[in-house]
Structure formats: C-alpha cells, structure tokens
C-alpha cells in the first residue's frame, strides 16, 4: 500500500481548509486560511501542497471542493476555472494552478456536490440512492448525488436560485440576488435576513414571525427537491440553520407544501428525511472522497471513516 497521503481542499466564501491524510480520522496536517484574492489564495495553497510533498514523500491525489459556479467539463478549455461568480477577485481563477506538479492526479467539484457525496457515502445520507445537501448561510447552495455520483449536466445544480412563492408577510422586501427577485438565496440567505431585519435569525426571539418566513421558503425548497429529484434524504447545514427551532419549522412547511401527495412526507416522516449533517466539514470530507477516487488503485484499500467521526 502506498504511504503517500491524499490532499483535500475546501474553498468557501470566507475560509479555505486544506487537510492531508490517509484516513479521515487521522489527518497528518490541517490548515485554515482566509479566502482572499483568487490567485493569491491558490498560490498559498500550492505552497502548502508543495511542502506536504516534501514532508510526506509525495501525494496520491488532490481533491478540491470549491464555491461555484465552476467549469466541470474536463474537455472544456476552461476546465476547473471559476465562472461568473459574484466574487470579482475569483472569476477566471484556474484551480489547476493549485497543483505543485501538473502530473499530480486532480479532481474538482462544487463544495455542495462534494458535501452531498460525503454525506451519502459516510454520513447522514447513507443507504440512499438520491441525496441532496443544502447549505444555508452566506449564500444558499445545493448538491445532488445519485447512486454515488454527483450530478453534472450543462453545469451543476444551482439550487439556491430556484424560485419560491413569496410569503404573504414578505411582499415588499427586495431580494438581494442581482439576478432573481424571488429565488430562495435572494430571500432566505444570511445576508438577505440581515438586510431585511438588521440582525441574524439566531439573534431573534424563537417565536419571531421572521423565523417562520424563512422556514416557509426553505420548506418550499425542500418540497421542490422531494418532488423534482425524488430526494430520499435532504441534509441541511450552514450557519442560518443553527437558529433554534428552524429545522422543525422547515419540516412543517415542507409537509404543508407536499400536502399528502407523496408517501413518507408528513411531518413525522420528515424527521428522518430532512436532517442535519453528520460531518462538521462535509465539503472537506467530500474533497477527500474526490481525491481518493482520482488516486485510487486496486492495491490501496481505504477504510475512510468511523461512524462517530466529527471533523
């Protein structure tokens, strides 16, 4: 068995994580740095990977889970580039430049697709054929994994920009999305909540009507996913979901929208279908899974993670 470890990178809107290891339970290295300018951040990560190659005698592969939109078509000239992102310092950034050596095996996907992969393979969505991971925080994004494969097509899922019906008590708020007046990200993300109320949802009284409005939007989103992609499990993470009582309200509003049409979608059943993540850093775990798949050979057996692992 090769002694060379795998490298996993998760790039979020505010921070980047880099982990080096053979197994999820035993990282050899773990680094955290702020997400700054694209080229500068990628160069800093490349330096850390270069040092890891020296320290550990090489790397098996590098997996990247990054915010999108991304070009994920390997045949495209701009493969692994960041596309038209709201982050102006990142548009056009080539994630392949993170590699100290061009021949190093490399895989990339969106952070939410990678998180969905991690949760389906080892976490809260195990034993499902179709799983969705949602993050509700600075933005709203989602990844879909079907039978172990992240969904790609013309691009990748952009779940945060699905349309939702306006709540009757929220008709006059102007969406923060510069593209859509009624997408769920524009109405229910952390910045949208702050723009509407001047404070985070978690700072409000548990019986605040504001929490119910956000729960309604997220419940609509979950209902669309149950109906549209036949999701067996929806895993929801992100800072907004730390709000006390929010998840149960999301389940309630989802059940109301389904209205008995699908089996297993009443409020009680949704307790086990709309759930919190198993991993604290699902995207990083997913990046590790991408690296393992890229650097796998039949002689290398990887027993990835225990049931109780929390990164």
Protein backbone atom coordinates (compact mmCIF):
# COMPACT_ATOMS: atom_id res chain seq x y z
CA UNK A 1 0.00 0.00 0.00
CA UNK A 2 1.32 3.42 -0.91
CA UNK A 3 2.39 5.58 2.02
CA UNK A 4 1.65 8.77 0.12
CA UNK A 5 -1.39 10.58 1.55
CA UNK A 6 -4.26 12.36 -0.17
CA UNK A 7 -4.88 16.12 -0.10
CA UNK A 8 -8.33 17.67 0.33
CA UNK A 9 -9.19 21.35 -0.15
CA UNK A 10 -12.49 23.00 0.70
CA UNK A 11 -12.84 26.58 -0.53
CA UNK A 12 -15.68 28.58 0.96
CA UNK A 13 -16.65 32.21 0.79
CA UNK A 14 -14.69 33.20 3.90
CA UNK A 15 -12.20 30.41 4.57
CA UNK A 16 -10.25 27.65 2.86
CA UNK A 17 -9.41 24.35 4.53
CA UNK A 18 -6.59 22.03 3.50
CA UNK A 19 -6.14 18.58 5.00
CA UNK A 20 -3.56 15.91 4.28
CA UNK A 21 -4.06 12.29 5.27
CA UNK A 22 -4.73 8.64 4.54
CA UNK A 23 -7.93 8.47 6.58
CA UNK A 24 -10.50 11.00 7.70
CA UNK A 25 -9.97 10.15 11.36
CA UNK A 26 -6.23 10.77 11.27
CA UNK A 27 -5.21 13.92 9.43
CA UNK A 28 -1.46 14.35 9.14
CA UNK A 29 -1.91 18.07 8.53
CA UNK A 30 -4.81 20.51 8.77
CA UNK A 31 -4.61 24.13 7.64
CA UNK A 32 -7.07 27.01 7.61
CA UNK A 33 -6.60 30.29 5.76
CA UNK A 34 -8.87 33.16 4.76
CA UNK A 35 -10.40 33.19 1.29
CA UNK A 36 -8.77 36.25 -0.18
CA UNK A 37 -7.92 37.14 -3.76
CA UNK A 38 -8.23 34.10 -6.02
CA UNK A 39 -4.70 33.97 -7.39
CA UNK A 40 -3.15 34.75 -4.00
CA UNK A 41 -5.20 32.13 -2.18
CA UNK A 42 -4.47 29.44 -4.77
CA UNK A 43 -0.76 30.27 -4.59
CA UNK A 44 -0.76 29.91 -0.79
CA UNK A 45 -2.49 26.55 -1.05
CA UNK A 46 0.01 25.45 -3.71
CA UNK A 47 2.88 26.32 -1.36
CA UNK A 48 1.31 24.20 1.39
CA UNK A 49 0.87 21.28 -1.01
CA UNK A 50 4.46 21.63 -2.18
CA UNK A 51 5.66 21.49 1.42
CA UNK A 52 3.45 18.44 2.07
CA UNK A 53 5.03 16.64 -0.89
CA UNK A 54 8.46 17.20 0.69
CA UNK A 55 7.27 16.19 4.17
CA UNK A 56 5.37 13.05 3.19
CA UNK A 57 7.32 11.89 0.16
CA UNK A 58 4.59 12.83 -2.31
CA UNK A 59 0.80 12.96 -2.60
CA UNK A 60 -1.56 10.41 -4.13
CA UNK A 61 -4.04 12.97 -5.46
CA UNK A 62 -5.63 16.34 -4.74
CA UNK A 63 -9.39 16.85 -4.41
CA UNK A 64 -10.92 20.34 -4.46
CA UNK A 65 -14.41 21.26 -3.28
CA UNK A 66 -14.98 24.90 -4.17
CA UNK A 67 -17.72 27.50 -4.35
CA UNK A 68 -19.18 27.90 -7.81
CA UNK A 69 -20.04 28.34 -10.45
CA UNK A 70 -17.29 26.11 -11.85
CA UNK A 71 -16.50 24.65 -15.24
CA UNK A 72 -16.62 20.90 -14.56
CA UNK A 73 -16.43 19.59 -18.13
CA UNK A 74 -12.94 18.04 -18.43
CA UNK A 75 -13.00 18.57 -22.21
CA UNK A 76 -13.53 22.33 -21.87
CA UNK A 77 -10.60 24.68 -22.37
CA UNK A 78 -11.54 26.43 -19.13
CA UNK A 79 -11.95 23.22 -17.11
CA UNK A 80 -11.60 23.87 -13.35
CA UNK A 81 -11.99 27.62 -13.80
CA UNK A 82 -14.28 29.72 -11.63
CA UNK A 83 -17.02 31.15 -13.86
CA UNK A 84 -19.20 34.26 -13.43
CA UNK A 85 -19.09 34.49 -9.66
CA UNK A 86 -20.19 37.47 -7.54
CA UNK A 87 -16.64 37.34 -6.10
CA UNK A 88 -14.83 39.58 -8.60
CA UNK A 89 -11.35 38.56 -7.43
CA UNK A 90 -12.11 34.91 -8.26
CA UNK A 91 -13.73 34.97 -11.70
CA UNK A 92 -11.46 33.15 -14.14
CA UNK A 93 -9.28 31.61 -11.44
CA UNK A 94 -7.92 28.23 -12.56
CA UNK A 95 -7.99 25.70 -9.72
CA UNK A 96 -5.47 23.51 -11.56
CA UNK A 97 -2.87 26.11 -10.63
CA UNK A 98 -3.07 24.80 -7.06
CA UNK A 99 -1.01 21.79 -8.17
CA UNK A 100 2.73 21.99 -7.49
CA UNK A 101 3.22 19.49 -10.33
CA UNK A 102 0.89 19.30 -13.33
CA UNK A 103 1.01 15.48 -13.39
CA UNK A 104 -0.43 15.16 -9.88
CA UNK A 105 -3.89 13.50 -10.06
CA UNK A 106 -6.59 16.12 -9.54
CA UNK A 107 -10.37 16.23 -9.13
CA UNK A 108 -12.74 19.12 -8.54
CA UNK A 109 -16.42 19.67 -7.83
CA UNK A 110 -18.59 22.25 -6.15
CA UNK A 111 -18.40 22.41 -2.38
CA UNK A 112 -22.04 21.37 -2.08
CA UNK A 113 -21.78 18.46 -4.54
CA UNK A 114 -18.74 17.27 -2.58
CA UNK A 115 -20.62 17.66 0.70
CA UNK A 116 -23.52 15.63 -0.72
CA UNK A 117 -21.04 12.94 -1.77
CA UNK A 118 -19.53 12.81 1.73
CA UNK A 119 -22.88 12.62 3.47
CA UNK A 120 -24.21 9.93 1.14
CA UNK A 121 -21.08 7.81 1.34
CA UNK A 122 -20.31 8.00 5.04
CA UNK A 123 -22.71 10.37 6.78
CA UNK A 124 -26.32 11.36 7.29
CA UNK A 125 -27.49 10.18 3.86
CA UNK A 126 -26.03 6.68 3.89
CA UNK A 127 -28.08 3.90 2.33
CA UNK A 128 -29.87 6.23 -0.10
CA UNK A 129 -29.76 6.30 -3.88
CA UNK A 130 -30.62 10.01 -4.17
CA UNK A 131 -29.35 12.52 -1.64
CA UNK A 132 -29.27 16.31 -1.55
CA UNK A 133 -27.03 18.53 0.53
CA UNK A 134 -28.11 22.14 1.18
CA UNK A 135 -26.14 24.88 2.85
CA UNK A 136 -27.94 27.95 4.13
CA UNK A 137 -25.54 30.68 5.13
CA UNK A 138 -23.77 33.48 3.26
CA UNK A 139 -25.46 32.01 0.21
CA UNK A 140 -27.75 29.06 -0.42
CA UNK A 141 -26.37 26.22 -2.48
CA UNK A 142 -27.09 22.58 -3.04
CA UNK A 143 -25.52 19.44 -4.38
CA UNK A 144 -27.19 16.25 -5.62
CA UNK A 145 -25.68 12.76 -5.59
CA UNK A 146 -27.40 9.86 -7.33
CA UNK A 147 -26.05 6.35 -6.77
CA UNK A 148 -22.72 7.70 -5.62
CA UNK A 149 -22.21 10.16 -8.47
CA UNK A 150 -22.53 13.95 -8.16
CA UNK A 151 -24.96 15.39 -10.69
CA UNK A 152 -23.42 17.35 -13.57
CA UNK A 153 -25.00 18.43 -16.82
CA UNK A 154 -24.98 21.74 -18.62
CA UNK A 155 -23.28 23.00 -15.44
CA UNK A 156 -24.04 21.75 -11.94
CA UNK A 157 -27.07 22.15 -9.67
CA UNK A 158 -27.78 25.80 -8.76
CA UNK A 159 -30.42 25.03 -6.18
CA UNK A 160 -30.15 28.37 -4.42
CA UNK A 161 -31.63 30.10 -7.45
CA UNK A 162 -34.84 28.07 -7.59
CA UNK A 163 -37.96 30.20 -7.43
CA UNK A 164 -40.12 30.25 -4.29
CA UNK A 165 -43.54 31.78 -3.68
CA UNK A 166 -43.48 34.97 -1.64
CA UNK A 167 -44.76 34.74 1.91
CA UNK A 168 -47.81 36.95 2.47
CA UNK A 169 -45.92 38.95 5.13
CA UNK A 170 -42.83 39.42 2.97
CA UNK A 171 -44.19 41.01 -0.18
CA UNK A 172 -42.18 44.22 -0.08
CA UNK A 173 -38.66 43.01 0.70
CA UNK A 174 -36.31 43.46 -2.24
CA UNK A 175 -34.35 40.29 -2.98
CA UNK A 176 -30.58 40.63 -2.55
CA UNK A 177 -29.98 38.45 -5.61
CA UNK A 178 -28.98 40.64 -8.54
CA UNK A 179 -30.45 38.11 -10.98
CA UNK A 180 -33.76 36.99 -9.43
CA UNK A 181 -36.49 38.73 -7.47
CA UNK A 182 -37.81 35.56 -5.83
CA UNK A 183 -35.06 32.95 -5.63
CA UNK A 184 -34.50 31.28 -2.29
CA UNK A 185 -30.96 32.66 -1.92
CA UNK A 186 -32.18 36.19 -2.51
CA UNK A 187 -34.86 35.83 0.15
CA UNK A 188 -33.57 33.40 2.79
CA UNK A 189 -29.76 33.53 2.90
CA UNK A 190 -27.91 35.08 5.83
CA UNK A 191 -27.29 38.40 4.04
CA UNK A 192 -30.97 38.56 2.98
CA UNK A 193 -32.06 38.09 6.58
CA UNK A 194 -29.62 40.76 7.74
CA UNK A 195 -30.78 43.18 5.04
CA UNK A 196 -34.43 42.64 5.99
CA UNK A 197 -34.14 42.65 9.80
CA UNK A 198 -30.77 44.14 10.70
CA UNK A 199 -29.78 41.05 12.69
CA UNK A 200 -29.12 37.36 12.28
CA UNK A 201 -32.03 34.92 12.54
CA UNK A 202 -30.38 33.21 15.53
CA UNK A 203 -30.46 36.53 17.44
CA UNK A 204 -34.25 36.77 17.22
CA UNK A 205 -36.84 35.51 19.64
CA UNK A 206 -37.70 31.82 18.96
CA UNK A 207 -41.32 32.79 18.32
CA UNK A 208 -40.43 35.53 15.83
CA UNK A 209 -42.52 35.57 12.67
CA UNK A 210 -39.28 36.20 10.76
CA UNK A 211 -38.16 32.65 11.52
CA UNK A 212 -41.41 31.29 10.14
CA UNK A 213 -40.99 33.25 6.91
CA UNK A 214 -37.51 31.79 6.34
CA UNK A 215 -38.78 28.32 7.29
CA UNK A 216 -41.52 28.68 4.70
CA UNK A 217 -39.04 29.49 1.94
CA UNK A 218 -36.74 26.63 2.91
CA UNK A 219 -39.71 24.28 3.26
CA UNK A 220 -40.78 25.20 -0.26
CA UNK A 221 -37.26 24.44 -1.47
CA UNK A 222 -37.25 21.04 0.21
CA UNK A 223 -40.65 20.23 -1.27
CA UNK A 224 -39.36 21.06 -4.75
CA UNK A 225 -36.43 18.70 -4.21
CA UNK A 226 -38.64 15.88 -2.97
CA UNK A 227 -40.93 16.34 -5.94
CA UNK A 228 -38.37 17.25 -8.60
CA UNK A 229 -35.45 14.90 -7.99
CA UNK A 230 -37.11 12.29 -5.74
CA UNK A 231 -34.65 13.01 -2.94
CA UNK A 232 -34.66 10.29 -0.32
CA UNK A 233 -32.78 12.45 2.15
CA UNK A 234 -32.07 16.17 2.36
CA UNK A 235 -29.15 17.18 4.57
CA UNK A 236 -29.20 20.86 5.58
CA UNK A 237 -26.19 22.67 7.03
CA UNK A 238 -24.92 26.23 7.21
CA UNK A 239 -24.94 29.00 9.77
CA UNK A 240 -28.58 30.04 9.37
CA UNK A 241 -29.68 26.52 10.30
CA UNK A 242 -28.18 26.96 13.78
CA UNK A 243 -31.29 29.00 14.64
CA UNK A 244 -33.27 27.28 17.40
CA UNK A 245 -36.39 25.56 16.11
CA UNK A 246 -35.78 26.43 12.44
CA UNK A 247 -35.30 22.88 11.19
CA UNK A 248 -38.58 21.64 12.66
CA UNK A 249 -40.40 24.58 11.07
CA UNK A 250 -38.80 23.78 7.72
CA UNK A 251 -40.12 20.22 8.00
CA UNK A 252 -43.58 21.54 8.86
CA UNK A 253 -43.74 23.89 5.87
CA UNK A 254 -42.34 21.22 3.56
CA UNK A 255 -45.09 18.82 4.63
CA UNK A 256 -47.68 21.55 4.09
CA UNK A 257 -46.44 22.10 0.53
CA UNK A 258 -46.42 18.36 -0.28
CA UNK A 259 -49.95 18.21 1.16
CA UNK A 260 -50.12 14.42 1.26
CA UNK A 261 -49.19 13.90 -2.39
CA UNK A 262 -46.00 11.89 -1.72
CA UNK A 263 -45.68 8.98 0.70
CA UNK A 264 -43.33 9.45 3.63
CA UNK A 265 -43.61 13.23 3.62
CA UNK A 266 -45.72 14.01 6.65
CA UNK A 267 -44.08 15.96 9.47
CA UNK A 268 -43.17 12.84 11.46
CA UNK A 269 -41.61 11.08 8.47
CA UNK A 270 -39.61 14.18 7.54
CA UNK A 271 -37.79 13.95 10.88
CA UNK A 272 -35.60 11.32 9.23
CA UNK A 273 -35.69 12.68 5.66
CA UNK A 274 -34.68 16.30 6.31
CA UNK A 275 -31.72 16.11 8.66
CA UNK A 276 -28.57 17.86 9.86
CA UNK A 277 -25.12 16.90 8.51
CA UNK A 278 -23.08 14.14 10.09
CA UNK A 279 -19.82 15.97 9.40
CA UNK A 280 -18.79 19.36 10.70
CA UNK A 281 -16.94 19.97 7.41
CA UNK A 282 -18.83 17.91 4.85
CA UNK A 283 -17.19 19.74 1.95
CA UNK A 284 -13.70 18.84 3.15
CA UNK A 285 -14.72 15.20 3.56
CA UNK A 286 -16.15 15.30 0.04
CA UNK A 287 -12.91 16.77 -1.31
CA UNK A 288 -11.10 13.85 0.31
CA UNK A 289 -13.52 11.45 -1.41
CA UNK A 290 -12.79 13.13 -4.76
CA UNK A 291 -9.05 12.75 -4.19
CA UNK A 292 -9.38 9.10 -3.23
CA UNK A 293 -11.45 8.34 -6.35
CA UNK A 294 -8.87 10.08 -8.52
CA UNK A 295 -5.85 8.43 -6.91
CA UNK A 296 -7.32 5.00 -6.21
CA UNK A 297 -5.69 1.79 -7.32
CA UNK A 298 -6.86 -1.79 -6.60
CA UNK A 299 -3.99 -2.37 -4.18
CA UNK A 300 -4.93 0.54 -1.94
CA UNK A 301 -7.79 -0.16 0.44
CA UNK A 302 -9.14 2.89 2.26
CA UNK A 303 -11.38 2.41 5.30
CA UNK A 304 -12.40 6.04 5.30
CA UNK A 305 -14.23 6.97 8.42
CA UNK A 306 -15.80 5.70 11.60
CA UNK A 307 -19.47 6.27 12.31
CA UNK A 308 -18.62 8.74 15.08
CA UNK A 309 -16.07 10.88 13.27
CA UNK A 310 -16.56 14.64 13.51
CA UNK A 311 -14.00 16.78 11.69
